[in-house]
Amino acid sequence: MGHEWDALTYDRVALPQTRWGGQVLDRLELAGDEAVLDAGCGTGRVTEMLLSRLPRAGWSRSTPRLRCSTRRAAGSAATAAG
């Protein structure tokens, strides 16, 4: 089994990755009805931005990252799938 990153620490220091992800999302021409699988390795920050533009997005299957993403998405339309 591979190394599991500390998701809370990663979330706290992931601002550069979030900015880069936002820049990539800004370049996408989306109609809003696309289905997307987010195969990233983060805690949901970029997925959260993607959710504002699309009805569905996939989540990391990493248990600690999924927990962090779920907490971030609490109260939003996001649904975490295990």
PDB file of N, CA and C in Angstrom:
ATOM      1  N   MET A   1       0.845  -1.172   0.000  1.00  0.00           N
ATOM      2  CA  MET A   1       0.000   0.000   0.000  1.00  0.00           C
ATOM      3  C   MET A   1       0.895   1.242   0.000  1.00  0.00           C
ATOM      4  N   GLY A   2       0.484   2.278  -0.700  1.00  0.00           N
ATOM      5  CA  GLY A   2       1.257   3.506  -0.810  1.00  0.00           C
ATOM      6  C   GLY A   2       1.154   4.381   0.418  1.00  0.00           C
ATOM      7  N   HIS A   3       1.931   5.421   0.386  1.00  0.00           N
ATOM      8  CA  HIS A   3       1.936   6.401   1.475  1.00  0.00           C
ATOM      9  C   HIS A   3       0.651   7.226   1.458  1.00  0.00           C
ATOM     10  N   GLU A   4       0.077   7.475   2.605  1.00  0.00           N
ATOM     11  CA  GLU A   4      -1.142   8.306   2.727  1.00  0.00           C
ATOM     12  C   GLU A   4      -0.730   9.658   3.288  1.00  0.00           C
ATOM     13  N   TRP A   5      -0.988  10.725   2.537  1.00  0.00           N
ATOM     14  CA  TRP A   5      -0.663  12.083   2.971  1.00  0.00           C
ATOM     15  C   TRP A   5      -1.590  12.523   4.093  1.00  0.00           C
ATOM     16  N   ASP A   6      -1.117  13.434   4.916  1.00  0.00           N
ATOM     17  CA  ASP A   6      -1.937  14.051   5.952  1.00  0.00           C
ATOM     18  C   ASP A   6      -2.853  15.055   5.258  1.00  0.00           C
ATOM     19  N   ALA A   7      -4.106  14.713   5.094  1.00  0.00           N
ATOM     20  CA  ALA A   7      -5.054  15.509   4.314  1.00  0.00           C
ATOM     21  C   ALA A   7      -5.284  16.902   4.896  1.00  0.00           C
ATOM     22  N   LEU A   8      -5.337  17.025   6.212  1.00  0.00           N
ATOM     23  CA  LEU A   8      -5.582  18.341   6.819  1.00  0.00           C
ATOM     24  C   LEU A   8      -4.406  19.284   6.595  1.00  0.00           C
ATOM     25  N   THR A   9      -3.184  18.756   6.697  1.00  0.00           N
ATOM     26  CA  THR A   9      -2.005  19.586   6.421  1.00  0.00           C
ATOM     27  C   THR A   9      -1.976  19.965   4.948  1.00  0.00           C
ATOM     28  N   TYR A  10      -2.219  18.998   4.077  1.00  0.00           N
ATOM     29  CA  TYR A  10      -2.240  19.280   2.638  1.00  0.00           C
ATOM     30  C   TYR A  10      -3.266  20.367   2.331  1.00  0.00           C
ATOM     31  N   ASP A  11      -4.437  20.265   2.906  1.00  0.00           N
ATOM     32  CA  ASP A  11      -5.489  21.254   2.666  1.00  0.00           C
ATOM     33  C   ASP A  11      -5.035  22.644   3.106  1.00  0.00           C
ATOM     34  N   ARG A  12      -4.317  22.707   4.203  1.00  0.00           N
ATOM     35  CA  ARG A  12      -3.862  23.986   4.744  1.00  0.00           C
ATOM     36  C   ARG A  12      -2.796  24.641   3.854  1.00  0.00           C
ATOM     37  N   VAL A  13      -1.963  23.846   3.179  1.00  0.00           N
ATOM     38  CA  VAL A  13      -0.850  24.398   2.402  1.00  0.00           C
ATOM     39  C   VAL A  13      -1.066  24.328   0.888  1.00  0.00           C
ATOM     40  N   ALA A  14      -2.253  23.983   0.445  1.00  0.00           N
ATOM     41  CA  ALA A  14      -2.503  23.731  -0.977  1.00  0.00           C
ATOM     42  C   ALA A  14      -2.947  24.954  -1.778  1.00  0.00           C
ATOM     43  N   LEU A  15      -2.715  26.162  -1.278  1.00  0.00           N
ATOM     44  CA  LEU A  15      -3.138  27.356  -2.008  1.00  0.00           C
ATOM     45  C   LEU A  15      -2.535  27.441  -3.417  1.00  0.00           C
ATOM     46  N   PRO A  16      -1.234  27.156  -3.608  1.00  0.00           N
ATOM     47  CA  PRO A  16      -0.709  27.210  -4.982  1.00  0.00           C
ATOM     48  C   PRO A  16      -1.419  26.241  -5.928  1.00  0.00           C
ATOM     49  N   GLN A  17      -1.661  25.013  -5.461  1.00  0.00           N
ATOM     50  CA  GLN A  17      -2.357  24.034  -6.303  1.00  0.00           C
ATOM     51  C   GLN A  17      -3.782  24.499  -6.601  1.00  0.00           C
ATOM     52  N   THR A  18      -4.424  25.119  -5.627  1.00  0.00           N
ATOM     53  CA  THR A  18      -5.779  25.628  -5.825  1.00  0.00           C
ATOM     54  C   THR A  18      -5.785  26.729  -6.874  1.00  0.00           C
ATOM     55  N   ARG A  19      -4.819  27.627  -6.804  1.00  0.00           N
ATOM     56  CA  ARG A  19      -4.721  28.695  -7.813  1.00  0.00           C
ATOM     57  C   ARG A  19      -4.497  28.113  -9.201  1.00  0.00           C
ATOM     58  N   TRP A  20      -3.572  27.152  -9.305  1.00  0.00           N
ATOM     59  CA  TRP A  20      -3.296  26.539 -10.605  1.00  0.00           C
ATOM     60  C   TRP A  20      -4.534  25.835 -11.142  1.00  0.00           C
ATOM     61  N   GLY A  21      -5.206  25.111 -10.280  1.00  0.00           N
ATOM     62  CA  GLY A  21      -6.432  24.430 -10.695  1.00  0.00           C
ATOM     63  C   GLY A  21      -7.487  25.410 -11.168  1.00  0.00           C
ATOM     64  N   GLY A  22      -7.630  26.531 -10.468  1.00  0.00           N
ATOM     65  CA  GLY A  22      -8.584  27.562 -10.867  1.00  0.00           C
ATOM     66  C   GLY A  22      -8.246  28.145 -12.220  1.00  0.00           C
ATOM     67  N   GLN A  23      -6.950  28.325 -12.491  1.00  0.00           N
ATOM     68  CA  GLN A  23      -6.528  28.848 -13.790  1.00  0.00           C
ATOM     69  C   GLN A  23      -6.872  27.874 -14.910  1.00  0.00           C
ATOM     70  N   VAL A  24      -6.710  26.586 -14.644  1.00  0.00           N
ATOM     71  CA  VAL A  24      -7.079  25.574 -15.648  1.00  0.00           C
ATOM     72  C   VAL A  24      -8.584  25.587 -15.870  1.00  0.00           C
ATOM     73  N   LEU A  25      -9.362  25.612 -14.787  1.00  0.00           N
ATOM     74  CA  LEU A  25     -10.823  25.630 -14.917  1.00  0.00           C
ATOM     75  C   LEU A  25     -11.293  26.857 -15.676  1.00  0.00           C
ATOM     76  N   ASP A  26     -10.650  28.007 -15.452  1.00  0.00           N
ATOM     77  CA  ASP A  26     -11.032  29.235 -16.141  1.00  0.00           C
ATOM     78  C   ASP A  26     -10.857  29.128 -17.654  1.00  0.00           C
ATOM     79  N   ARG A  27      -9.948  28.269 -18.087  1.00  0.00           N
ATOM     80  CA  ARG A  27      -9.706  28.107 -19.529  1.00  0.00           C
ATOM     81  C   ARG A  27     -10.678  27.139 -20.192  1.00  0.00           C
ATOM     82  N   LEU A  28     -11.405  26.373 -19.405  1.00  0.00           N
ATOM     83  CA  LEU A  28     -12.351  25.408 -19.972  1.00  0.00           C
ATOM     84  C   LEU A  28     -13.631  26.097 -20.422  1.00  0.00           C
ATOM     85  N   GLU A  29     -14.058  25.763 -21.612  1.00  0.00           N
ATOM     86  CA  GLU A  29     -15.344  26.254 -22.097  1.00  0.00           C
ATOM     87  C   GLU A  29     -16.382  25.177 -21.791  1.00  0.00           C
ATOM     88  N   LEU A  30     -17.155  25.397 -20.742  1.00  0.00           N
ATOM     89  CA  LEU A  30     -18.127  24.409 -20.288  1.00  0.00           C
ATOM     90  C   LEU A  30     -19.544  24.916 -20.495  1.00  0.00           C
ATOM     91  N   ALA A  31     -20.405  24.011 -20.939  1.00  0.00           N
ATOM     92  CA  ALA A  31     -21.811  24.355 -21.103  1.00  0.00           C
ATOM     93  C   ALA A  31     -22.571  24.187 -19.788  1.00  0.00           C
ATOM     94  N   GLY A  32     -22.037  23.392 -18.876  1.00  0.00           N
ATOM     95  CA  GLY A  32     -22.675  23.170 -17.590  1.00  0.00           C
ATOM     96  C   GLY A  32     -23.373  21.836 -17.479  1.00  0.00           C
ATOM     97  N   ASP A  33     -23.422  21.069 -18.582  1.00  0.00           N
ATOM     98  CA  ASP A  33     -24.095  19.772 -18.528  1.00  0.00           C
ATOM     99  C   ASP A  33     -23.122  18.604 -18.718  1.00  0.00           C
ATOM    100  N   GLU A  34     -21.815  18.903 -18.683  1.00  0.00           N
ATOM    101  CA  GLU A  34     -20.827  17.844 -18.832  1.00  0.00           C
ATOM    102  C   GLU A  34     -20.744  17.004 -17.559  1.00  0.00           C
ATOM    103  N   ALA A  35     -20.395  15.751 -17.722  1.00  0.00           N
ATOM    104  CA  ALA A  35     -20.097  14.878 -16.582  1.00  0.00           C
ATOM    105  C   ALA A  35     -18.576  14.787 -16.493  1.00  0.00           C
ATOM    106  N   VAL A  36     -18.016  14.985 -15.304  1.00  0.00           N
ATOM    107  CA  VAL A  36     -16.566  15.033 -15.134  1.00  0.00           C
ATOM    108  C   VAL A  36     -16.146  14.116 -14.009  1.00  0.00           C
ATOM    109  N   LEU A  37     -15.056  13.412 -14.224  1.00  0.00           N
ATOM    110  CA  LEU A  37     -14.436  12.648 -13.160  1.00  0.00           C
ATOM    111  C   LEU A  37     -13.207  13.420 -12.727  1.00  0.00           C
ATOM    112  N   ASP A  38     -13.169  13.891 -11.505  1.00  0.00           N
ATOM    113  CA  ASP A  38     -12.018  14.600 -10.952  1.00  0.00           C
ATOM    114  C   ASP A  38     -11.065  13.549 -10.428  1.00  0.00           C
ATOM    115  N   ALA A  39      -9.980  13.319 -11.157  1.00  0.00           N
ATOM    116  CA  ALA A  39      -9.015  12.296 -10.766  1.00  0.00           C
ATOM    117  C   ALA A  39      -7.820  12.907 -10.047  1.00  0.00           C
ATOM    118  N   GLY A  40      -8.004  14.063  -9.447  1.00  0.00           N
ATOM    119  CA  GLY A  40      -6.930  14.754  -8.747  1.00  0.00           C
ATOM    120  C   GLY A  40      -6.601  14.115  -7.417  1.00  0.00           C
ATOM    121  N   CYS A  41      -5.626  14.676  -6.761  1.00  0.00           N
ATOM    122  CA  CYS A  41      -5.164  14.145  -5.480  1.00  0.00           C
ATOM    123  C   CYS A  41      -5.198  15.222  -4.407  1.00  0.00           C
ATOM    124  N   GLY A  42      -6.262  15.928  -4.324  1.00  0.00           N
ATOM    125  CA  GLY A  42      -6.357  17.000  -3.342  1.00  0.00           C
ATOM    126  C   GLY A  42      -7.457  16.752  -2.340  1.00  0.00           C
ATOM    127  N   THR A  43      -7.898  17.811  -1.701  1.00  0.00           N
ATOM    128  CA  THR A  43      -8.923  17.698  -0.664  1.00  0.00           C
ATOM    129  C   THR A  43     -10.241  18.353  -1.062  1.00  0.00           C
ATOM    130  N   GLY A  44     -10.413  18.649  -2.339  1.00  0.00           N
ATOM    131  CA  GLY A  44     -11.703  19.121  -2.807  1.00  0.00           C
ATOM    132  C   GLY A  44     -11.799  20.587  -3.161  1.00  0.00           C
ATOM    133  N   ARG A  45     -10.739  21.347  -3.001  1.00  0.00           N
ATOM    134  CA  ARG A  45     -10.809  22.782  -3.299  1.00  0.00           C
ATOM    135  C   ARG A  45     -11.135  23.037  -4.770  1.00  0.00           C
ATOM    136  N   VAL A  46     -10.400  22.396  -5.688  1.00  0.00           N
ATOM    137  CA  VAL A  46     -10.643  22.621  -7.115  1.00  0.00           C
ATOM    138  C   VAL A  46     -11.963  21.970  -7.520  1.00  0.00           C
ATOM    139  N   THR A  47     -12.277  20.823  -6.939  1.00  0.00           N
ATOM    140  CA  THR A  47     -13.564  20.191  -7.219  1.00  0.00           C
ATOM    141  C   THR A  47     -14.703  21.106  -6.800  1.00  0.00           C
ATOM    142  N   GLU A  48     -14.539  21.791  -5.682  1.00  0.00           N
ATOM    143  CA  GLU A  48     -15.551  22.735  -5.214  1.00  0.00           C
ATOM    144  C   GLU A  48     -15.767  23.840  -6.254  1.00  0.00           C
ATOM    145  N   MET A  49     -14.680  24.328  -6.855  1.00  0.00           N
ATOM    146  CA  MET A  49     -14.806  25.338  -7.918  1.00  0.00           C
ATOM    147  C   MET A  49     -15.495  24.742  -9.139  1.00  0.00           C
ATOM    148  N   LEU A  50     -15.156  23.500  -9.449  1.00  0.00           N
ATOM    149  CA  LEU A  50     -15.766  22.820 -10.587  1.00  0.00           C
ATOM    150  C   LEU A  50     -17.263  22.617 -10.370  1.00  0.00           C
ATOM    151  N   LEU A  51     -17.654  22.282  -9.143  1.00  0.00           N
ATOM    152  CA  LEU A  51     -19.071  22.071  -8.835  1.00  0.00           C
ATOM    153  C   LEU A  51     -19.922  23.310  -9.093  1.00  0.00           C
ATOM    154  N   SER A  52     -19.318  24.473  -8.991  1.00  0.00           N
ATOM    155  CA  SER A  52     -20.087  25.695  -9.242  1.00  0.00           C
ATOM    156  C   SER A  52     -20.413  25.837 -10.726  1.00  0.00           C
ATOM    157  N   ARG A  53     -19.723  25.059 -11.569  1.00  0.00           N
ATOM    158  CA  ARG A  53     -19.942  25.143 -13.012  1.00  0.00           C
ATOM    159  C   ARG A  53     -20.579  23.897 -13.610  1.00  0.00           C
ATOM    160  N   LEU A  54     -20.598  22.803 -12.870  1.00  0.00           N
ATOM    161  CA  LEU A  54     -21.092  21.526 -13.393  1.00  0.00           C
ATOM    162  C   LEU A  54     -21.980  20.830 -12.361  1.00  0.00           C
ATOM    163  N   PRO A  55     -22.900  20.017 -12.835  1.00  0.00           N
ATOM    164  CA  PRO A  55     -23.802  19.337 -11.900  1.00  0.00           C
ATOM    165  C   PRO A  55     -23.180  18.156 -11.173  1.00  0.00           C
ATOM    166  N   ARG A  56     -22.126  17.548 -11.740  1.00  0.00           N
ATOM    167  CA  ARG A  56     -21.532  16.356 -11.111  1.00  0.00           C
ATOM    168  C   ARG A  56     -20.018  16.423 -11.188  1.00  0.00           C
ATOM    169  N   ALA A  57     -19.379  15.862 -10.189  1.00  0.00           N
ATOM    170  CA  ALA A  57     -17.920  15.715 -10.196  1.00  0.00           C
ATOM    171  C   ALA A  57     -17.544  14.508  -9.363  1.00  0.00           C
ATOM    172  N   GLY A  58     -16.487  13.811  -9.732  1.00  0.00           N
ATOM    173  CA  GLY A  58     -16.031  12.668  -8.965  1.00  0.00           C
ATOM    174  C   GLY A  58     -15.105  13.112  -7.851  1.00  0.00           C
ATOM    175  N   TRP A  59     -15.005  12.302  -6.789  1.00  0.00           N
ATOM    176  CA  TRP A  59     -14.173  12.624  -5.636  1.00  0.00           C
ATOM    177  C   TRP A  59     -13.074  11.592  -5.489  1.00  0.00           C
ATOM    178  N   SER A  60     -11.975  11.984  -4.897  1.00  0.00           N
ATOM    179  CA  SER A  60     -10.883  11.074  -4.593  1.00  0.00           C
ATOM    180  C   SER A  60     -11.391   9.936  -3.710  1.00  0.00           C
ATOM    181  N   ARG A  61     -10.849   8.750  -3.911  1.00  0.00           N
ATOM    182  CA  ARG A  61     -11.247   7.622  -3.087  1.00  0.00           C
ATOM    183  C   ARG A  61     -10.372   7.514  -1.831  1.00  0.00           C
ATOM    184  N   SER A  62      -9.452   8.435  -1.632  1.00  0.00           N
ATOM    185  CA  SER A  62      -8.622   8.456  -0.423  1.00  0.00           C
ATOM    186  C   SER A  62      -9.514   8.778   0.768  1.00  0.00           C
ATOM    187  N   THR A  63      -9.573   7.886   1.740  1.00  0.00           N
ATOM    188  CA  THR A  63     -10.478   8.075   2.874  1.00  0.00           C
ATOM    189  C   THR A  63     -10.240   9.395   3.619  1.00  0.00           C
ATOM    190  N   PRO A  64      -9.005   9.738   4.024  1.00  0.00           N
ATOM    191  CA  PRO A  64      -8.815  11.019   4.721  1.00  0.00           C
ATOM    192  C   PRO A  64      -9.158  12.215   3.836  1.00  0.00           C
ATOM    193  N   ARG A  65      -8.802  12.163   2.562  1.00  0.00           N
ATOM    194  CA  ARG A  65      -9.117  13.267   1.658  1.00  0.00           C
ATOM    195  C   ARG A  65     -10.616  13.349   1.425  1.00  0.00           C
ATOM    196  N   LEU A  66     -11.258  12.206   1.335  1.00  0.00           N
ATOM    197  CA  LEU A  66     -12.708  12.190   1.166  1.00  0.00           C
ATOM    198  C   LEU A  66     -13.390  12.824   2.373  1.00  0.00           C
ATOM    199  N   ARG A  67     -12.915  12.509   3.583  1.00  0.00           N
ATOM    200  CA  ARG A  67     -13.482  13.132   4.790  1.00  0.00           C
ATOM    201  C   ARG A  67     -13.312  14.648   4.753  1.00  0.00           C
ATOM    202  N   CYS A  68     -12.130  15.098   4.371  1.00  0.00           N
ATOM    203  CA  CYS A  68     -11.862  16.534   4.299  1.00  0.00           C
ATOM    204  C   CYS A  68     -12.750  17.173   3.232  1.00  0.00           C
ATOM    205  N   SER A  69     -12.874  16.545   2.079  1.00  0.00           N
ATOM    206  CA  SER A  69     -13.731  17.056   1.008  1.00  0.00           C
ATOM    207  C   SER A  69     -15.186  17.106   1.445  1.00  0.00           C
ATOM    208  N   THR A  70     -15.615  16.084   2.143  1.00  0.00           N
ATOM    209  CA  THR A  70     -16.998  16.024   2.614  1.00  0.00           C
ATOM    210  C   THR A  70     -17.283  17.159   3.580  1.00  0.00           C
ATOM    211  N   ARG A  71     -16.334  17.420   4.495  1.00  0.00           N
ATOM    212  CA  ARG A  71     -16.509  18.550   5.417  1.00  0.00           C
ATOM    213  C   ARG A  71     -16.578  19.867   4.651  1.00  0.00           C
ATOM    214  N   ARG A  72     -15.712  20.025   3.634  1.00  0.00           N
ATOM    215  CA  ARG A  72     -15.697  21.253   2.845  1.00  0.00           C
ATOM    216  C   ARG A  72     -17.020  21.437   2.112  1.00  0.00           C
ATOM    217  N   ALA A  73     -17.584  20.365   1.608  1.00  0.00           N
ATOM    218  CA  ALA A  73     -18.786  20.440   0.792  1.00  0.00           C
ATOM    219  C   ALA A  73     -20.075  20.447   1.619  1.00  0.00           C
ATOM    220  N   ALA A  74     -19.954  20.291   2.937  1.00  0.00           N
ATOM    221  CA  ALA A  74     -21.145  20.268   3.793  1.00  0.00           C
ATOM    222  C   ALA A  74     -21.986  21.517   3.550  1.00  0.00           C
ATOM    223  N   GLY A  75     -23.242  21.314   3.309  1.00  0.00           N
ATOM    224  CA  GLY A  75     -24.147  22.433   3.077  1.00  0.00           C
ATOM    225  C   GLY A  75     -24.231  22.847   1.631  1.00  0.00           C
ATOM    226  N   SER A  76     -23.401  22.274   0.762  1.00  0.00           N
ATOM    227  CA  SER A  76     -23.484  22.600  -0.661  1.00  0.00           C
ATOM    228  C   SER A  76     -24.216  21.480  -1.388  1.00  0.00           C
ATOM    229  N   ALA A  77     -24.321  21.609  -2.687  1.00  0.00           N
ATOM    230  CA  ALA A  77     -25.013  20.604  -3.495  1.00  0.00           C
ATOM    231  C   ALA A  77     -24.115  19.406  -3.772  1.00  0.00           C
ATOM    232  N   ALA A  78     -22.878  19.436  -3.293  1.00  0.00           N
ATOM    233  CA  ALA A  78     -21.932  18.357  -3.569  1.00  0.00           C
ATOM    234  C   ALA A  78     -22.331  17.070  -2.875  1.00  0.00           C
ATOM    235  N   THR A  79     -22.085  15.966  -3.537  1.00  0.00           N
ATOM    236  CA  THR A  79     -22.318  14.653  -2.954  1.00  0.00           C
ATOM    237  C   THR A  79     -21.027  13.865  -3.078  1.00  0.00           C
ATOM    238  N   ALA A  80     -20.506  13.370  -1.975  1.00  0.00           N
ATOM    239  CA  ALA A  80     -19.288  12.573  -2.007  1.00  0.00           C
ATOM    240  C   ALA A  80     -19.654  11.117  -2.225  1.00  0.00           C
ATOM    241  N   ALA A  81     -18.981  10.488  -3.172  1.00  0.00           N
ATOM    242  CA  ALA A  81     -19.212   9.080  -3.464  1.00  0.00           C
ATOM    243  C   ALA A  81     -17.987   8.284  -3.039  1.00  0.00           C
ATOM    244  N   GLY A  82     -18.202   7.212  -2.301  1.00  0.00           N
ATOM    245  CA  GLY A  82     -17.074   6.391  -1.840  1.00  0.00           C
ATOM    246  C   GLY A  82     -16.768   5.362  -2.765  1.00  0.00           C
TER     247      GLY A  82
END
